[in-house]
Amino acid sequence: MLRALAVDDERPSLEELLYLLNADPRIGSADGAGDATEALRRINRALESGPDGPESIDVVFLDINMPGLDGLDLARLLTGLAKPPLVVFVTAHEDFAVHAFDLKAVDYVLKPVRKERLAEAVRRVVELRGAEPRDTAPRIPVSEPDPDHIPVELGGVTRFVAVDDITHVEAQGDYARLHTDKGSHLVRIPLSTLEERWRSRGFVRIHRRHLVALRHIGELRLDAGTVSVMVGSEELQVSRRHARELRDLLMRRP
């Protein structure tokens, strides 16, 4: 049974998160803190009491945008501890996901928090802590429901982006940013996985950080030995190891 600490300076959000956590059978106890400073004091007491002590904490569900010490600051402090609790970020801002990954966060949940999405975050924590209890919440599928679309989360709502609308993909750690003509979406899937999955759909690796849909390449540019492509209004560099393969594919493109 997990012992959780939820941290959020907005009282309604904190109460809602605590309600959802306490309703999960894998959570043995869930307490709240109204800011990162209070949370740090609670975590220090937990470390002093030991892993089996009455105040021990297994996981911290942490908001990011808080006055004073924010969630990212607290997470950085925790990385310096010998045995820190696991961290799940719960935030209304999707822009900090890459920073969260760099700080070894287990998951990144967007507000408003859905019960099913939080259950998936708890499952990931349980897997890292040990074997799953028998009484667990249902798992959320992590693969896309069909090969033509990929699920993305935006403001706590899952939407399905058509693969054909994706112009290129940018690696951001264990995440990937999907670019379309209408904007971009961050998904927790490594670029190498998408490269393998979408190779047959005309996506090609042009750089260690970029995967591009051939049909969306408007120009191939050669300048003083460097190669780049225009995808919409954006110019992307092509690495030397991928340049020849890309030229051959573009030449054979109908």
C-alpha atoms as a PDB file:
ATOM      1  CA  MET A   1       0.000   0.000   0.000  1.00  0.00           C
ATOM      2  CA  LEU A   2       1.475   3.318  -1.087  1.00  0.00           C
ATOM      3  CA  ARG A   3       1.852   6.282   1.240  1.00  0.00           C
ATOM      4  CA  ALA A   4       1.320   9.447  -0.768  1.00  0.00           C
ATOM      5  CA  LEU A   5       1.799  13.172  -0.267  1.00  0.00           C
ATOM      6  CA  ALA A   6      -0.118  15.568  -2.542  1.00  0.00           C
ATOM      7  CA  VAL A   7       1.235  19.105  -2.921  1.00  0.00           C
ATOM      8  CA  ASP A   8      -0.820  21.961  -4.389  1.00  0.00           C
ATOM      9  CA  ASP A   9      -1.280  25.584  -3.320  1.00  0.00           C
ATOM     10  CA  GLU A  10      -4.853  25.666  -4.686  1.00  0.00           C
ATOM     11  CA  ARG A  11      -7.102  24.152  -2.027  1.00  0.00           C
ATOM     12  CA  PRO A  12      -9.875  22.859  -4.347  1.00  0.00           C
ATOM     13  CA  SER A  13      -7.323  21.125  -6.573  1.00  0.00           C
ATOM     14  CA  LEU A  14      -5.598  19.604  -3.550  1.00  0.00           C
ATOM     15  CA  GLU A  15      -8.852  18.316  -2.083  1.00  0.00           C
ATOM     16  CA  GLU A  16      -9.901  16.805  -5.418  1.00  0.00           C
ATOM     17  CA  LEU A  17      -6.530  15.085  -5.833  1.00  0.00           C
ATOM     18  CA  LEU A  18      -6.665  13.709  -2.271  1.00  0.00           C
ATOM     19  CA  TYR A  19     -10.192  12.436  -2.878  1.00  0.00           C
ATOM     20  CA  LEU A  20      -9.093  10.548  -6.009  1.00  0.00           C
ATOM     21  CA  LEU A  21      -5.978   9.154  -4.333  1.00  0.00           C
ATOM     22  CA  ASN A  22      -7.851   7.922  -1.270  1.00  0.00           C
ATOM     23  CA  ALA A  23     -10.381   6.195  -3.546  1.00  0.00           C
ATOM     24  CA  ASP A  24      -7.594   4.130  -5.156  1.00  0.00           C
ATOM     25  CA  PRO A  25      -7.200   0.737  -3.399  1.00  0.00           C
ATOM     26  CA  ARG A  26      -3.431   0.845  -3.915  1.00  0.00           C
ATOM     27  CA  ILE A  27      -3.091   4.015  -1.819  1.00  0.00           C
ATOM     28  CA  GLY A  28      -2.835   3.224   1.895  1.00  0.00           C
ATOM     29  CA  SER A  29      -2.767   6.863   2.978  1.00  0.00           C
ATOM     30  CA  ALA A  30      -2.733  10.250   1.254  1.00  0.00           C
ATOM     31  CA  ASP A  31      -1.945  13.524   3.006  1.00  0.00           C
ATOM     32  CA  GLY A  32      -1.822  17.057   1.619  1.00  0.00           C
ATOM     33  CA  ALA A  33       0.556  20.021   1.750  1.00  0.00           C
ATOM     34  CA  GLY A  34      -0.335  23.534   0.635  1.00  0.00           C
ATOM     35  CA  ASP A  35       3.104  24.504  -0.670  1.00  0.00           C
ATOM     36  CA  ALA A  36       6.519  23.060  -1.485  1.00  0.00           C
ATOM     37  CA  THR A  37       8.127  24.327   1.719  1.00  0.00           C
ATOM     38  CA  GLU A  38       5.597  22.476   3.879  1.00  0.00           C
ATOM     39  CA  ALA A  39       6.037  19.405   1.690  1.00  0.00           C
ATOM     40  CA  LEU A  40       9.816  19.526   2.159  1.00  0.00           C
ATOM     41  CA  ARG A  41       9.383  19.592   5.939  1.00  0.00           C
ATOM     42  CA  ARG A  42       7.048  16.574   5.716  1.00  0.00           C
ATOM     43  CA  ILE A  43       9.508  14.705   3.520  1.00  0.00           C
ATOM     44  CA  ASN A  44      12.388  15.423   5.892  1.00  0.00           C
ATOM     45  CA  ARG A  45      10.346  14.037   8.799  1.00  0.00           C
ATOM     46  CA  ALA A  46       9.546  10.982   6.692  1.00  0.00           C
ATOM     47  CA  LEU A  47      13.230  10.361   5.994  1.00  0.00           C
ATOM     48  CA  GLU A  48      14.052  10.713   9.679  1.00  0.00           C
ATOM     49  CA  SER A  49      11.371   8.171  10.617  1.00  0.00           C
ATOM     50  CA  GLY A  50      12.773   5.633   8.152  1.00  0.00           C
ATOM     51  CA  PRO A  51      11.101   3.651   5.321  1.00  0.00           C
ATOM     52  CA  ASP A  52       8.810   1.811   7.750  1.00  0.00           C
ATOM     53  CA  GLY A  53       8.159   4.760  10.057  1.00  0.00           C
ATOM     54  CA  PRO A  54       4.714   6.255  10.658  1.00  0.00           C
ATOM     55  CA  GLU A  55       5.488   9.353   8.545  1.00  0.00           C
ATOM     56  CA  SER A  56       7.196   7.635   5.609  1.00  0.00           C
ATOM     57  CA  ILE A  57       6.270   8.720   2.066  1.00  0.00           C
ATOM     58  CA  ASP A  58       6.500   6.555  -1.051  1.00  0.00           C
ATOM     59  CA  VAL A  59       5.368   9.045  -3.689  1.00  0.00           C
ATOM     60  CA  VAL A  60       4.765  12.780  -3.998  1.00  0.00           C
ATOM     61  CA  PHE A  61       2.047  14.074  -6.357  1.00  0.00           C
ATOM     62  CA  LEU A  62       3.410  17.508  -7.080  1.00  0.00           C
ATOM     63  CA  ASP A  63       1.993  20.656  -8.669  1.00  0.00           C
ATOM     64  CA  ILE A  64       4.488  22.824 -10.571  1.00  0.00           C
ATOM     65  CA  ASN A  65       3.235  26.411 -10.546  1.00  0.00           C
ATOM     66  CA  MET A  66       3.325  27.424  -6.865  1.00  0.00           C
ATOM     67  CA  PRO A  67       4.491  30.635  -5.172  1.00  0.00           C
ATOM     68  CA  GLY A  68       7.974  30.661  -3.685  1.00  0.00           C
ATOM     69  CA  LEU A  69       9.549  27.232  -4.054  1.00  0.00           C
ATOM     70  CA  ASP A  70       7.816  25.666  -7.063  1.00  0.00           C
ATOM     71  CA  GLY A  71       7.356  22.013  -7.914  1.00  0.00           C
ATOM     72  CA  LEU A  72      10.407  21.754 -10.149  1.00  0.00           C
ATOM     73  CA  ASP A  73      12.569  23.314  -7.424  1.00  0.00           C
ATOM     74  CA  LEU A  74      11.311  20.776  -4.900  1.00  0.00           C
ATOM     75  CA  ALA A  75      11.916  17.890  -7.305  1.00  0.00           C
ATOM     76  CA  ARG A  76      15.498  19.071  -7.850  1.00  0.00           C
ATOM     77  CA  LEU A  77      16.062  19.074  -4.086  1.00  0.00           C
ATOM     78  CA  LEU A  78      14.679  15.549  -3.830  1.00  0.00           C
ATOM     79  CA  THR A  79      17.137  14.237  -6.428  1.00  0.00           C
ATOM     80  CA  GLY A  80      19.928  15.063  -3.986  1.00  0.00           C
ATOM     81  CA  LEU A  81      18.536  12.712  -1.313  1.00  0.00           C
ATOM     82  CA  ALA A  82      19.868   9.198  -0.866  1.00  0.00           C
ATOM     83  CA  LYS A  83      16.418   7.555  -1.013  1.00  0.00           C
ATOM     84  CA  PRO A  84      13.897  10.155  -2.198  1.00  0.00           C
ATOM     85  CA  PRO A  85      10.208   9.399  -2.710  1.00  0.00           C
ATOM     86  CA  LEU A  86       9.007   8.950  -6.258  1.00  0.00           C
ATOM     87  CA  VAL A  87       7.534  12.017  -7.957  1.00  0.00           C
ATOM     88  CA  VAL A  88       4.454  12.379 -10.153  1.00  0.00           C
ATOM     89  CA  PHE A  89       3.800  15.877 -11.467  1.00  0.00           C
ATOM     90  CA  VAL A  90       0.174  17.014 -11.542  1.00  0.00           C
ATOM     91  CA  THR A  91      -0.131  20.315 -13.371  1.00  0.00           C
ATOM     92  CA  ALA A  92      -2.199  22.409 -15.753  1.00  0.00           C
ATOM     93  CA  HIS A  93       0.874  23.191 -17.879  1.00  0.00           C
ATOM     94  CA  GLU A  94       2.144  20.731 -20.484  1.00  0.00           C
ATOM     95  CA  ASP A  95       5.257  22.819 -21.274  1.00  0.00           C
ATOM     96  CA  PHE A  96       7.328  21.449 -18.370  1.00  0.00           C
ATOM     97  CA  ALA A  97       7.136  17.742 -19.257  1.00  0.00           C
ATOM     98  CA  VAL A  98      10.690  17.565 -20.573  1.00  0.00           C
ATOM     99  CA  HIS A  99      12.046  19.182 -17.395  1.00  0.00           C
ATOM    100  CA  ALA A 100       9.993  16.693 -15.381  1.00  0.00           C
ATOM    101  CA  PHE A 101      11.550  13.801 -17.282  1.00  0.00           C
ATOM    102  CA  ASP A 102      15.034  15.195 -16.631  1.00  0.00           C
ATOM    103  CA  LEU A 103      14.209  15.140 -12.921  1.00  0.00           C
ATOM    104  CA  LYS A 104      13.284  11.430 -13.135  1.00  0.00           C
ATOM    105  CA  ALA A 105       9.558  11.934 -12.642  1.00  0.00           C
ATOM    106  CA  VAL A 106       7.477   8.757 -12.852  1.00  0.00           C
ATOM    107  CA  ASP A 107       4.631  10.457 -14.705  1.00  0.00           C
ATOM    108  CA  TYR A 108       3.195  13.805 -15.788  1.00  0.00           C
ATOM    109  CA  VAL A 109      -0.558  14.201 -15.304  1.00  0.00           C
ATOM    110  CA  LEU A 110      -2.425  17.189 -16.707  1.00  0.00           C
ATOM    111  CA  LYS A 111      -5.243  18.978 -14.901  1.00  0.00           C
ATOM    112  CA  PRO A 112      -8.164  18.655 -14.652  1.00  0.00           C
ATOM    113  CA  VAL A 113      -7.224  15.226 -13.335  1.00  0.00           C
ATOM    114  CA  ARG A 114      -9.251  12.300 -14.591  1.00  0.00           C
ATOM    115  CA  LYS A 115      -9.666   9.225 -12.379  1.00  0.00           C
ATOM    116  CA  GLU A 116      -8.473   6.873 -15.115  1.00  0.00           C
ATOM    117  CA  ARG A 117      -5.376   8.940 -15.881  1.00  0.00           C
ATOM    118  CA  LEU A 118      -4.411   9.170 -12.218  1.00  0.00           C
ATOM    119  CA  ALA A 119      -4.910   5.409 -11.891  1.00  0.00           C
ATOM    120  CA  GLU A 120      -2.339   4.931 -14.656  1.00  0.00           C
ATOM    121  CA  ALA A 121       0.150   7.133 -12.793  1.00  0.00           C
ATOM    122  CA  VAL A 122      -0.398   5.103  -9.612  1.00  0.00           C
ATOM    123  CA  ARG A 123       0.148   1.890 -11.580  1.00  0.00           C
ATOM    124  CA  ARG A 124       3.516   3.165 -12.775  1.00  0.00           C
ATOM    125  CA  VAL A 125       4.491   4.017  -9.209  1.00  0.00           C
ATOM    126  CA  VAL A 126       3.441   0.555  -8.023  1.00  0.00           C
ATOM    127  CA  GLU A 127       5.505  -1.101 -10.747  1.00  0.00           C
ATOM    128  CA  LEU A 128       8.580   0.803  -9.627  1.00  0.00           C
ATOM    129  CA  ARG A 129       7.943  -0.004  -5.971  1.00  0.00           C
ATOM    130  CA  GLY A 130       7.376  -3.707  -6.536  1.00  0.00           C
ATOM    131  CA  ALA A 131       4.758  -6.186  -7.668  1.00  0.00           C
ATOM    132  CA  GLU A 132       1.220  -5.008  -8.346  1.00  0.00           C
ATOM    133  CA  PRO A 133      -1.371  -5.749  -5.614  1.00  0.00           C
ATOM    134  CA  ARG A 134      -4.145  -8.084  -6.669  1.00  0.00           C
ATOM    135  CA  ASP A 135      -6.796  -5.407  -6.200  1.00  0.00           C
ATOM    136  CA  THR A 136      -5.740  -2.883  -8.837  1.00  0.00           C
ATOM    137  CA  ALA A 137      -7.382  -0.332 -11.026  1.00  0.00           C
ATOM    138  CA  PRO A 138      -7.736  -1.225 -14.705  1.00  0.00           C
ATOM    139  CA  ARG A 139      -4.787  -0.386 -16.885  1.00  0.00           C
ATOM    140  CA  ILE A 140      -5.042   2.257 -19.546  1.00  0.00           C
ATOM    141  CA  PRO A 141      -3.869   1.068 -22.962  1.00  0.00           C
ATOM    142  CA  VAL A 142      -0.608   2.739 -23.908  1.00  0.00           C
ATOM    143  CA  SER A 143      -0.740   1.791 -27.559  1.00  0.00           C
ATOM    144  CA  GLU A 144      -2.860   3.709 -29.988  1.00  0.00           C
ATOM    145  CA  PRO A 145      -6.353   2.343 -30.682  1.00  0.00           C
ATOM    146  CA  ASP A 146      -5.773   2.203 -34.432  1.00  0.00           C
ATOM    147  CA  PRO A 147      -2.750   2.693 -36.725  1.00  0.00           C
ATOM    148  CA  ASP A 148      -4.173   5.894 -38.255  1.00  0.00           C
ATOM    149  CA  HIS A 149      -4.365   7.918 -35.026  1.00  0.00           C
ATOM    150  CA  ILE A 150      -2.328   8.518 -31.892  1.00  0.00           C
ATOM    151  CA  PRO A 151      -3.852   9.595 -28.546  1.00  0.00           C
ATOM    152  CA  VAL A 152      -2.583  12.825 -26.979  1.00  0.00           C
ATOM    153  CA  GLU A 153      -3.594  14.566 -23.765  1.00  0.00           C
ATOM    154  CA  LEU A 154      -4.513  18.226 -23.687  1.00  0.00           C
ATOM    155  CA  GLY A 155      -5.947  19.811 -20.559  1.00  0.00           C
ATOM    156  CA  GLY A 156      -6.955  16.436 -19.145  1.00  0.00           C
ATOM    157  CA  VAL A 157      -8.810  15.458 -22.336  1.00  0.00           C
ATOM    158  CA  THR A 158      -7.578  12.668 -24.605  1.00  0.00           C
ATOM    159  CA  ARG A 159      -7.720  13.544 -28.286  1.00  0.00           C
ATOM    160  CA  PHE A 160      -6.752  11.507 -31.325  1.00  0.00           C
ATOM    161  CA  VAL A 161      -4.375  13.056 -33.835  1.00  0.00           C
ATOM    162  CA  ALA A 162      -4.324  11.634 -37.348  1.00  0.00           C
ATOM    163  CA  VAL A 163      -0.881  10.296 -38.228  1.00  0.00           C
ATOM    164  CA  ASP A 164      -1.263  11.756 -41.742  1.00  0.00           C
ATOM    165  CA  ASP A 165      -1.522  15.239 -40.195  1.00  0.00           C
ATOM    166  CA  ILE A 166       1.862  14.935 -38.443  1.00  0.00           C
ATOM    167  CA  THR A 167       4.586  16.743 -40.387  1.00  0.00           C
ATOM    168  CA  HIS A 168       7.537  15.824 -38.184  1.00  0.00           C
ATOM    169  CA  VAL A 169       8.445  14.544 -34.739  1.00  0.00           C
ATOM    170  CA  GLU A 170      11.046  15.979 -32.375  1.00  0.00           C
ATOM    171  CA  ALA A 171      12.782  13.913 -29.691  1.00  0.00           C
ATOM    172  CA  GLN A 172      12.657  15.337 -26.161  1.00  0.00           C
ATOM    173  CA  GLY A 173      14.166  12.713 -23.876  1.00  0.00           C
ATOM    174  CA  ASP A 174      11.767   9.790 -23.441  1.00  0.00           C
ATOM    175  CA  TYR A 175       9.060  12.044 -24.864  1.00  0.00           C
ATOM    176  CA  ALA A 176       8.338  13.044 -28.445  1.00  0.00           C
ATOM    177  CA  ARG A 177       6.744  16.257 -29.685  1.00  0.00           C
ATOM    178  CA  LEU A 178       4.372  15.714 -32.599  1.00  0.00           C
ATOM    179  CA  HIS A 179       4.174  18.680 -34.961  1.00  0.00           C
ATOM    180  CA  THR A 180       1.152  19.390 -37.158  1.00  0.00           C
ATOM    181  CA  ASP A 181       0.046  22.438 -39.127  1.00  0.00           C
ATOM    182  CA  LYS A 182      -2.248  23.339 -36.214  1.00  0.00           C
ATOM    183  CA  GLY A 183       0.251  22.997 -33.350  1.00  0.00           C
ATOM    184  CA  SER A 184       2.239  20.405 -31.432  1.00  0.00           C
ATOM    185  CA  HIS A 185       1.570  17.712 -28.839  1.00  0.00           C
ATOM    186  CA  LEU A 186       3.876  16.015 -26.339  1.00  0.00           C
ATOM    187  CA  VAL A 187       3.564  12.241 -25.923  1.00  0.00           C
ATOM    188  CA  ARG A 188       5.473   9.864 -23.674  1.00  0.00           C
ATOM    189  CA  ILE A 189       6.865   7.708 -26.483  1.00  0.00           C
ATOM    190  CA  PRO A 190      10.558   7.568 -27.500  1.00  0.00           C
ATOM    191  CA  LEU A 191      11.383   8.722 -31.023  1.00  0.00           C
ATOM    192  CA  SER A 192      12.899   5.331 -31.842  1.00  0.00           C
ATOM    193  CA  THR A 193       9.555   3.651 -31.137  1.00  0.00           C
ATOM    194  CA  LEU A 194       7.691   6.005 -33.474  1.00  0.00           C
ATOM    195  CA  GLU A 195      10.378   5.552 -36.129  1.00  0.00           C
ATOM    196  CA  GLU A 196       9.817   1.804 -36.145  1.00  0.00           C
ATOM    197  CA  ARG A 197       6.047   2.098 -35.919  1.00  0.00           C
ATOM    198  CA  TRP A 198       5.648   4.648 -38.714  1.00  0.00           C
ATOM    199  CA  ARG A 199       8.393   3.610 -41.135  1.00  0.00           C
ATOM    200  CA  SER A 200       5.838   1.992 -43.433  1.00  0.00           C
ATOM    201  CA  ARG A 201       3.782   5.208 -43.376  1.00  0.00           C
ATOM    202  CA  GLY A 202       6.544   7.278 -44.981  1.00  0.00           C
ATOM    203  CA  PHE A 203       8.326   8.636 -41.913  1.00  0.00           C
ATOM    204  CA  VAL A 204      12.103   8.759 -42.132  1.00  0.00           C
ATOM    205  CA  ARG A 205      14.806   9.626 -39.616  1.00  0.00           C
ATOM    206  CA  ILE A 206      16.845  12.656 -40.759  1.00  0.00           C
ATOM    207  CA  HIS A 207      18.645  13.401 -37.506  1.00  0.00           C
ATOM    208  CA  ARG A 208      18.992  11.886 -34.048  1.00  0.00           C
ATOM    209  CA  ARG A 209      16.352  14.397 -32.920  1.00  0.00           C
ATOM    210  CA  HIS A 210      13.980  14.453 -35.898  1.00  0.00           C
ATOM    211  CA  LEU A 211      11.639  12.105 -37.703  1.00  0.00           C
ATOM    212  CA  VAL A 212       9.964  13.573 -40.803  1.00  0.00           C
ATOM    213  CA  ALA A 213       7.012  12.574 -42.993  1.00  0.00           C
ATOM    214  CA  LEU A 214       8.315  12.454 -46.586  1.00  0.00           C
ATOM    215  CA  ARG A 215       5.022  13.766 -47.979  1.00  0.00           C
ATOM    216  CA  HIS A 216       5.404  16.983 -45.964  1.00  0.00           C
ATOM    217  CA  ILE A 217       8.919  17.819 -47.193  1.00  0.00           C
ATOM    218  CA  GLY A 218       8.667  20.804 -49.535  1.00  0.00           C
ATOM    219  CA  GLU A 219      12.361  21.411 -50.289  1.00  0.00           C
ATOM    220  CA  LEU A 220      15.742  19.744 -49.977  1.00  0.00           C
ATOM    221  CA  ARG A 221      18.509  22.297 -49.532  1.00  0.00           C
ATOM    222  CA  LEU A 222      22.274  21.915 -50.027  1.00  0.00           C
ATOM    223  CA  ASP A 223      24.483  24.692 -48.666  1.00  0.00           C
ATOM    224  CA  ALA A 224      28.264  24.461 -48.223  1.00  0.00           C
ATOM    225  CA  GLY A 225      28.161  20.756 -47.534  1.00  0.00           C
ATOM    226  CA  THR A 226      25.178  20.855 -45.168  1.00  0.00           C
ATOM    227  CA  VAL A 227      21.788  19.401 -45.980  1.00  0.00           C
ATOM    228  CA  SER A 228      18.428  20.572 -44.686  1.00  0.00           C
ATOM    229  CA  VAL A 229      14.764  20.156 -45.540  1.00  0.00           C
ATOM    230  CA  MET A 230      11.840  22.551 -45.432  1.00  0.00           C
ATOM    231  CA  VAL A 231       8.772  21.197 -43.666  1.00  0.00           C
ATOM    232  CA  GLY A 232       6.160  23.885 -43.959  1.00  0.00           C
ATOM    233  CA  SER A 233       7.919  27.066 -42.841  1.00  0.00           C
ATOM    234  CA  GLU A 234      10.436  25.222 -40.650  1.00  0.00           C
ATOM    235  CA  GLU A 235      13.948  24.288 -41.766  1.00  0.00           C
ATOM    236  CA  LEU A 236      15.331  21.074 -40.255  1.00  0.00           C
ATOM    237  CA  GLN A 237      18.943  19.939 -40.448  1.00  0.00           C
ATOM    238  CA  VAL A 238      19.769  16.551 -41.944  1.00  0.00           C
ATOM    239  CA  SER A 239      22.710  14.681 -40.444  1.00  0.00           C
ATOM    240  CA  ARG A 240      25.395  13.322 -42.778  1.00  0.00           C
ATOM    241  CA  ARG A 241      24.601   9.707 -41.977  1.00  0.00           C
ATOM    242  CA  HIS A 242      20.983  10.190 -43.104  1.00  0.00           C
ATOM    243  CA  ALA A 243      21.516  12.559 -46.054  1.00  0.00           C
ATOM    244  CA  ARG A 244      22.098   9.972 -48.807  1.00  0.00           C
ATOM    245  CA  GLU A 245      19.190   7.770 -47.777  1.00  0.00           C
ATOM    246  CA  LEU A 246      16.896  10.796 -47.639  1.00  0.00           C
ATOM    247  CA  ARG A 247      17.934  11.992 -51.113  1.00  0.00           C
ATOM    248  CA  ASP A 248      17.316   8.518 -52.543  1.00  0.00           C
ATOM    249  CA  LEU A 249      13.877   8.334 -50.940  1.00  0.00           C
ATOM    250  CA  LEU A 250      12.916  11.783 -52.218  1.00  0.00           C
ATOM    251  CA  MET A 251      14.065  10.906 -55.736  1.00  0.00           C
ATOM    252  CA  ARG A 252      11.853   7.814 -55.732  1.00  0.00           C
ATOM    253  CA  ARG A 253       8.898   9.660 -54.240  1.00  0.00           C
ATOM    254  CA  PRO A 254       5.940   9.896 -56.674  1.00  0.00           C
END
